[in-house]
């Protein structure tokens, strides 16, 4: 992996993106998105994760994050590991999941192809962290992620996508407490 895709100083802001293996549209069900939200809240409370912006799309996630307490690579590694296990359990036990067998098969197939896993893989390996260097870059990345649901045709206004921090910037109470640049 290229050096430009590694976390440097965790107390700096980073734009990260991570996706489900094979870009499977897992996050079309509320329960699956809630697993991710609860994991982020835990990481905020217990691991010092600071979230400045975020969006959950059907197959991928974008975030702007930092931490003054712990290494970001450790926080994200633990979060991805926890959510992978929790989501596998939820998908396996969800009898109303019409794509259950196919999703499990795709994730098992991805895990067997990966040298980092034995039999299962939920998330793609990389996070592609890009350090936010200035206010202009911060606003560009924030606008990009908030406009993802608009560009996909899910909503007309970014602030109407529930699984995003866009509403926070329009005076709405979001699902995640944000950190703000002062």
C-alpha atoms as a PDB file:
ATOM      1  CA  UNK A   1       0.000   0.000   0.000  1.00  0.00           C
ATOM      2  CA  UNK A   2       1.257   3.457  -0.848  1.00  0.00           C
ATOM      3  CA  UNK A   3       2.602   5.690   1.935  1.00  0.00           C
ATOM      4  CA  UNK A   4       0.068   8.364   0.983  1.00  0.00           C
ATOM      5  CA  UNK A   5      -2.692   6.035   2.235  1.00  0.00           C
ATOM      6  CA  UNK A   6      -1.460   5.723   5.815  1.00  0.00           C
ATOM      7  CA  UNK A   7      -2.471   7.658   8.899  1.00  0.00           C
ATOM      8  CA  UNK A   8       0.189  10.034  10.156  1.00  0.00           C
ATOM      9  CA  UNK A   9      -0.563  12.050  13.261  1.00  0.00           C
ATOM     10  CA  UNK A  10      -3.897  10.925  14.693  1.00  0.00           C
ATOM     11  CA  UNK A  11      -4.664  14.376  16.035  1.00  0.00           C
ATOM     12  CA  UNK A  12      -4.821  15.708  12.477  1.00  0.00           C
ATOM     13  CA  UNK A  13      -8.050  15.509  10.478  1.00  0.00           C
ATOM     14  CA  UNK A  14      -8.386  12.678   7.946  1.00  0.00           C
ATOM     15  CA  UNK A  15     -10.915  11.926   5.250  1.00  0.00           C
ATOM     16  CA  UNK A  16     -11.425   8.164   5.041  1.00  0.00           C
ATOM     17  CA  UNK A  17     -13.518   5.918   2.843  1.00  0.00           C
ATOM     18  CA  UNK A  18     -14.187   2.257   3.295  1.00  0.00           C
ATOM     19  CA  UNK A  19     -16.458  -0.124   1.450  1.00  0.00           C
ATOM     20  CA  UNK A  20     -18.085  -3.511   1.797  1.00  0.00           C
ATOM     21  CA  UNK A  21     -16.323  -6.237  -0.179  1.00  0.00           C
ATOM     22  CA  UNK A  22     -17.502  -6.392  -3.774  1.00  0.00           C
ATOM     23  CA  UNK A  23     -19.413  -3.151  -3.120  1.00  0.00           C
ATOM     24  CA  UNK A  24     -22.366  -5.156  -1.792  1.00  0.00           C
ATOM     25  CA  UNK A  25     -25.302  -2.893  -0.906  1.00  0.00           C
ATOM     26  CA  UNK A  26     -25.577  -4.009   2.715  1.00  0.00           C
ATOM     27  CA  UNK A  27     -26.633  -0.703   4.242  1.00  0.00           C
ATOM     28  CA  UNK A  28     -30.113  -0.654   2.786  1.00  0.00           C
ATOM     29  CA  UNK A  29     -31.526  -1.956   6.061  1.00  0.00           C
ATOM     30  CA  UNK A  30     -31.816   0.244   9.158  1.00  0.00           C
ATOM     31  CA  UNK A  31     -30.529  -2.451  11.517  1.00  0.00           C
ATOM     32  CA  UNK A  32     -27.263  -2.808   9.623  1.00  0.00           C
ATOM     33  CA  UNK A  33     -26.660   0.957   9.613  1.00  0.00           C
ATOM     34  CA  UNK A  34     -27.472   1.079  13.323  1.00  0.00           C
ATOM     35  CA  UNK A  35     -24.661  -1.405  14.042  1.00  0.00           C
ATOM     36  CA  UNK A  36     -22.206   1.061  12.518  1.00  0.00           C
ATOM     37  CA  UNK A  37     -23.701   4.064  14.338  1.00  0.00           C
ATOM     38  CA  UNK A  38     -23.545   2.278  17.713  1.00  0.00           C
ATOM     39  CA  UNK A  39     -19.940   1.264  17.074  1.00  0.00           C
ATOM     40  CA  UNK A  40     -19.002   4.881  16.306  1.00  0.00           C
ATOM     41  CA  UNK A  41     -20.676   6.069  19.511  1.00  0.00           C
ATOM     42  CA  UNK A  42     -18.685   3.499  21.464  1.00  0.00           C
ATOM     43  CA  UNK A  43     -15.456   4.609  19.760  1.00  0.00           C
ATOM     44  CA  UNK A  44     -16.270   8.229  20.577  1.00  0.00           C
ATOM     45  CA  UNK A  45     -16.962   7.451  24.246  1.00  0.00           C
ATOM     46  CA  UNK A  46     -14.254   4.864  24.931  1.00  0.00           C
ATOM     47  CA  UNK A  47     -11.513   5.364  22.340  1.00  0.00           C
ATOM     48  CA  UNK A  48     -11.432   9.112  21.730  1.00  0.00           C
ATOM     49  CA  UNK A  49     -12.699   9.059  18.139  1.00  0.00           C
ATOM     50  CA  UNK A  50     -13.619  12.535  16.963  1.00  0.00           C
ATOM     51  CA  UNK A  51     -16.043  12.662  14.036  1.00  0.00           C
ATOM     52  CA  UNK A  52     -16.313  15.879  12.019  1.00  0.00           C
ATOM     53  CA  UNK A  53     -18.487  14.565   9.195  1.00  0.00           C
ATOM     54  CA  UNK A  54     -19.814  11.279   7.875  1.00  0.00           C
ATOM     55  CA  UNK A  55     -22.186   9.537   5.504  1.00  0.00           C
ATOM     56  CA  UNK A  56     -23.336   5.931   5.224  1.00  0.00           C
ATOM     57  CA  UNK A  57     -24.175   4.916   1.677  1.00  0.00           C
ATOM     58  CA  UNK A  58     -25.565   1.487   0.709  1.00  0.00           C
ATOM     59  CA  UNK A  59     -22.126  -0.031   0.033  1.00  0.00           C
ATOM     60  CA  UNK A  60     -19.606   2.373   1.535  1.00  0.00           C
ATOM     61  CA  UNK A  61     -18.867   4.992   4.172  1.00  0.00           C
ATOM     62  CA  UNK A  62     -17.037   8.330   4.186  1.00  0.00           C
ATOM     63  CA  UNK A  63     -15.859  10.086   7.340  1.00  0.00           C
ATOM     64  CA  UNK A  64     -13.716  12.982   8.491  1.00  0.00           C
ATOM     65  CA  UNK A  65     -12.086  11.958  11.763  1.00  0.00           C
ATOM     66  CA  UNK A  66      -9.256  12.520  14.231  1.00  0.00           C
ATOM     67  CA  UNK A  67      -8.252  11.463  17.738  1.00  0.00           C
ATOM     68  CA  UNK A  68      -6.088  13.049  20.389  1.00  0.00           C
ATOM     69  CA  UNK A  69      -6.263   9.945  22.605  1.00  0.00           C
ATOM     70  CA  UNK A  70      -5.496   6.908  20.428  1.00  0.00           C
ATOM     71  CA  UNK A  71      -4.046   5.990  17.054  1.00  0.00           C
ATOM     72  CA  UNK A  72      -6.643   6.288  14.299  1.00  0.00           C
ATOM     73  CA  UNK A  73      -5.462   3.099  12.615  1.00  0.00           C
ATOM     74  CA  UNK A  74      -6.146   1.203  15.868  1.00  0.00           C
ATOM     75  CA  UNK A  75      -9.581   2.770  16.341  1.00  0.00           C
ATOM     76  CA  UNK A  76     -10.639   2.085  12.741  1.00  0.00           C
ATOM     77  CA  UNK A  77      -9.190  -1.444  12.806  1.00  0.00           C
ATOM     78  CA  UNK A  78     -11.129  -2.270  15.984  1.00  0.00           C
ATOM     79  CA  UNK A  79     -14.310  -0.621  14.697  1.00  0.00           C
ATOM     80  CA  UNK A  80     -14.159  -2.513  11.408  1.00  0.00           C
ATOM     81  CA  UNK A  81     -13.451  -5.787  13.206  1.00  0.00           C
ATOM     82  CA  UNK A  82     -16.327  -5.307  15.647  1.00  0.00           C
ATOM     83  CA  UNK A  83     -18.833  -4.234  12.988  1.00  0.00           C
ATOM     84  CA  UNK A  84     -17.767  -7.076  10.711  1.00  0.00           C
ATOM     85  CA  UNK A  85     -18.568  -9.646  13.392  1.00  0.00           C
ATOM     86  CA  UNK A  86     -21.799  -7.931  14.465  1.00  0.00           C
ATOM     87  CA  UNK A  87     -23.018  -7.500  10.887  1.00  0.00           C
ATOM     88  CA  UNK A  88     -22.182 -11.094   9.975  1.00  0.00           C
ATOM     89  CA  UNK A  89     -24.269 -12.256  12.945  1.00  0.00           C
ATOM     90  CA  UNK A  90     -27.136  -9.948  12.040  1.00  0.00           C
ATOM     91  CA  UNK A  91     -27.157 -10.961   8.373  1.00  0.00           C
ATOM     92  CA  UNK A  92     -26.931 -14.652   9.283  1.00  0.00           C
ATOM     93  CA  UNK A  93     -29.827 -14.418  11.742  1.00  0.00           C
ATOM     94  CA  UNK A  94     -32.048 -12.146   9.630  1.00  0.00           C
ATOM     95  CA  UNK A  95     -34.571 -14.541   8.127  1.00  0.00           C
ATOM     96  CA  UNK A  96     -36.234 -11.699   6.209  1.00  0.00           C
ATOM     97  CA  UNK A  97     -32.977 -10.821   4.423  1.00  0.00           C
ATOM     98  CA  UNK A  98     -33.796 -11.887   0.865  1.00  0.00           C
ATOM     99  CA  UNK A  99     -30.143 -11.706  -0.188  1.00  0.00           C
ATOM    100  CA  UNK A 100     -28.748 -13.439   2.897  1.00  0.00           C
ATOM    101  CA  UNK A 101     -27.290 -16.545   1.234  1.00  0.00           C
ATOM    102  CA  UNK A 102     -25.805 -14.548  -1.637  1.00  0.00           C
ATOM    103  CA  UNK A 103     -24.235 -11.915   0.674  1.00  0.00           C
ATOM    104  CA  UNK A 104     -22.761 -14.562   2.964  1.00  0.00           C
ATOM    105  CA  UNK A 105     -21.390 -16.453  -0.024  1.00  0.00           C
ATOM    106  CA  UNK A 106     -19.799 -13.275  -1.458  1.00  0.00           C
ATOM    107  CA  UNK A 107     -18.214 -12.412   1.894  1.00  0.00           C
ATOM    108  CA  UNK A 108     -16.934 -15.948   2.438  1.00  0.00           C
ATOM    109  CA  UNK A 109     -15.514 -15.932  -1.090  1.00  0.00           C
ATOM    110  CA  UNK A 110     -13.761 -12.596  -0.441  1.00  0.00           C
ATOM    111  CA  UNK A 111     -12.351 -13.915   2.846  1.00  0.00           C
ATOM    112  CA  UNK A 112     -10.905 -17.022   1.230  1.00  0.00           C
ATOM    113  CA  UNK A 113      -9.192 -14.898  -1.441  1.00  0.00           C
ATOM    114  CA  UNK A 114      -7.614 -12.582   1.127  1.00  0.00           C
ATOM    115  CA  UNK A 115      -4.365 -13.456   2.856  1.00  0.00           C
ATOM    116  CA  UNK A 116      -5.499 -11.455   5.896  1.00  0.00           C
ATOM    117  CA  UNK A 117      -8.613 -13.568   6.577  1.00  0.00           C
ATOM    118  CA  UNK A 118      -9.391 -17.235   6.966  1.00  0.00           C
ATOM    119  CA  UNK A 119     -12.985 -17.607   5.916  1.00  0.00           C
ATOM    120  CA  UNK A 120     -14.815 -14.292   5.980  1.00  0.00           C
ATOM    121  CA  UNK A 121     -14.400 -10.669   4.989  1.00  0.00           C
ATOM    122  CA  UNK A 122     -16.957  -7.892   5.347  1.00  0.00           C
ATOM    123  CA  UNK A 123     -14.952  -4.707   4.724  1.00  0.00           C
ATOM    124  CA  UNK A 124     -12.418  -4.068   2.002  1.00  0.00           C
ATOM    125  CA  UNK A 125      -8.953  -3.856   3.564  1.00  0.00           C
ATOM    126  CA  UNK A 126      -8.075  -0.229   2.896  1.00  0.00           C
ATOM    127  CA  UNK A 127      -9.401   3.036   4.337  1.00  0.00           C
ATOM    128  CA  UNK A 128      -7.502   5.423   2.056  1.00  0.00           C
ATOM    129  CA  UNK A 129      -6.880   8.072   4.734  1.00  0.00           C
ATOM    130  CA  UNK A 130      -6.165  11.480   3.252  1.00  0.00           C
ATOM    131  CA  UNK A 131      -4.962  14.170   5.633  1.00  0.00           C
ATOM    132  CA  UNK A 132      -7.055  17.341   5.570  1.00  0.00           C
ATOM    133  CA  UNK A 133      -4.522  20.110   5.022  1.00  0.00           C
ATOM    134  CA  UNK A 134      -6.654  23.254   5.234  1.00  0.00           C
ATOM    135  CA  UNK A 135     -10.184  24.656   5.577  1.00  0.00           C
ATOM    136  CA  UNK A 136     -10.771  24.588   1.828  1.00  0.00           C
ATOM    137  CA  UNK A 137      -9.945  20.885   1.649  1.00  0.00           C
ATOM    138  CA  UNK A 138     -12.131  20.187   4.694  1.00  0.00           C
ATOM    139  CA  UNK A 139     -15.130  21.874   3.084  1.00  0.00           C
ATOM    140  CA  UNK A 140     -14.491  20.148  -0.253  1.00  0.00           C
ATOM    141  CA  UNK A 141     -14.446  16.675   1.369  1.00  0.00           C
ATOM    142  CA  UNK A 142     -17.445  17.498   3.585  1.00  0.00           C
ATOM    143  CA  UNK A 143     -19.463  18.735   0.592  1.00  0.00           C
ATOM    144  CA  UNK A 144     -18.425  15.694  -1.455  1.00  0.00           C
ATOM    145  CA  UNK A 145     -19.560  13.201   1.188  1.00  0.00           C
ATOM    146  CA  UNK A 146     -22.783  15.049   2.006  1.00  0.00           C
ATOM    147  CA  UNK A 147     -23.693  15.203  -1.677  1.00  0.00           C
ATOM    148  CA  UNK A 148     -23.237  11.434  -2.180  1.00  0.00           C
ATOM    149  CA  UNK A 149     -26.929  10.662  -1.440  1.00  0.00           C
ATOM    150  CA  UNK A 150     -28.032  13.563  -3.657  1.00  0.00           C
ATOM    151  CA  UNK A 151     -25.856  12.380  -6.555  1.00  0.00           C
ATOM    152  CA  UNK A 152     -27.201   8.839  -6.086  1.00  0.00           C
ATOM    153  CA  UNK A 153     -30.762  10.176  -6.332  1.00  0.00           C
ATOM    154  CA  UNK A 154     -31.791   9.121  -2.812  1.00  0.00           C
ATOM    155  CA  UNK A 155     -32.691  12.655  -1.673  1.00  0.00           C
ATOM    156  CA  UNK A 156     -32.973  16.081  -3.257  1.00  0.00           C
ATOM    157  CA  UNK A 157     -31.227  17.910  -0.410  1.00  0.00           C
ATOM    158  CA  UNK A 158     -28.179  16.587   1.429  1.00  0.00           C
ATOM    159  CA  UNK A 159     -29.612  17.498   4.822  1.00  0.00           C
ATOM    160  CA  UNK A 160     -32.541  15.118   4.251  1.00  0.00           C
ATOM    161  CA  UNK A 161     -30.340  11.981   4.274  1.00  0.00           C
ATOM    162  CA  UNK A 162     -30.729  10.601   7.807  1.00  0.00           C
ATOM    163  CA  UNK A 163     -27.498   8.610   7.759  1.00  0.00           C
ATOM    164  CA  UNK A 164     -25.233  11.603   7.289  1.00  0.00           C
ATOM    165  CA  UNK A 165     -23.916  14.549   9.239  1.00  0.00           C
ATOM    166  CA  UNK A 166     -25.327  16.991   6.650  1.00  0.00           C
ATOM    167  CA  UNK A 167     -28.367  17.740   8.805  1.00  0.00           C
ATOM    168  CA  UNK A 168     -26.122  18.830  11.673  1.00  0.00           C
ATOM    169  CA  UNK A 169     -24.893  21.679   9.485  1.00  0.00           C
ATOM    170  CA  UNK A 170     -28.500  22.786   8.864  1.00  0.00           C
ATOM    171  CA  UNK A 171     -29.536  22.908  12.515  1.00  0.00           C
ATOM    172  CA  UNK A 172     -30.971  19.380  12.711  1.00  0.00           C
ATOM    173  CA  UNK A 173     -30.129  16.929  15.482  1.00  0.00           C
ATOM    174  CA  UNK A 174     -27.991  14.200  13.951  1.00  0.00           C
ATOM    175  CA  UNK A 175     -27.486  10.572  14.920  1.00  0.00           C
ATOM    176  CA  UNK A 176     -23.861  11.215  15.931  1.00  0.00           C
ATOM    177  CA  UNK A 177     -22.424  13.991  18.087  1.00  0.00           C
ATOM    178  CA  UNK A 178     -19.930  15.865  15.935  1.00  0.00           C
ATOM    179  CA  UNK A 179     -16.680  17.556  16.737  1.00  0.00           C
ATOM    180  CA  UNK A 180     -16.295  20.972  15.172  1.00  0.00           C
ATOM    181  CA  UNK A 181     -13.300  22.937  14.006  1.00  0.00           C
ATOM    182  CA  UNK A 182     -12.831  26.042  16.157  1.00  0.00           C
END
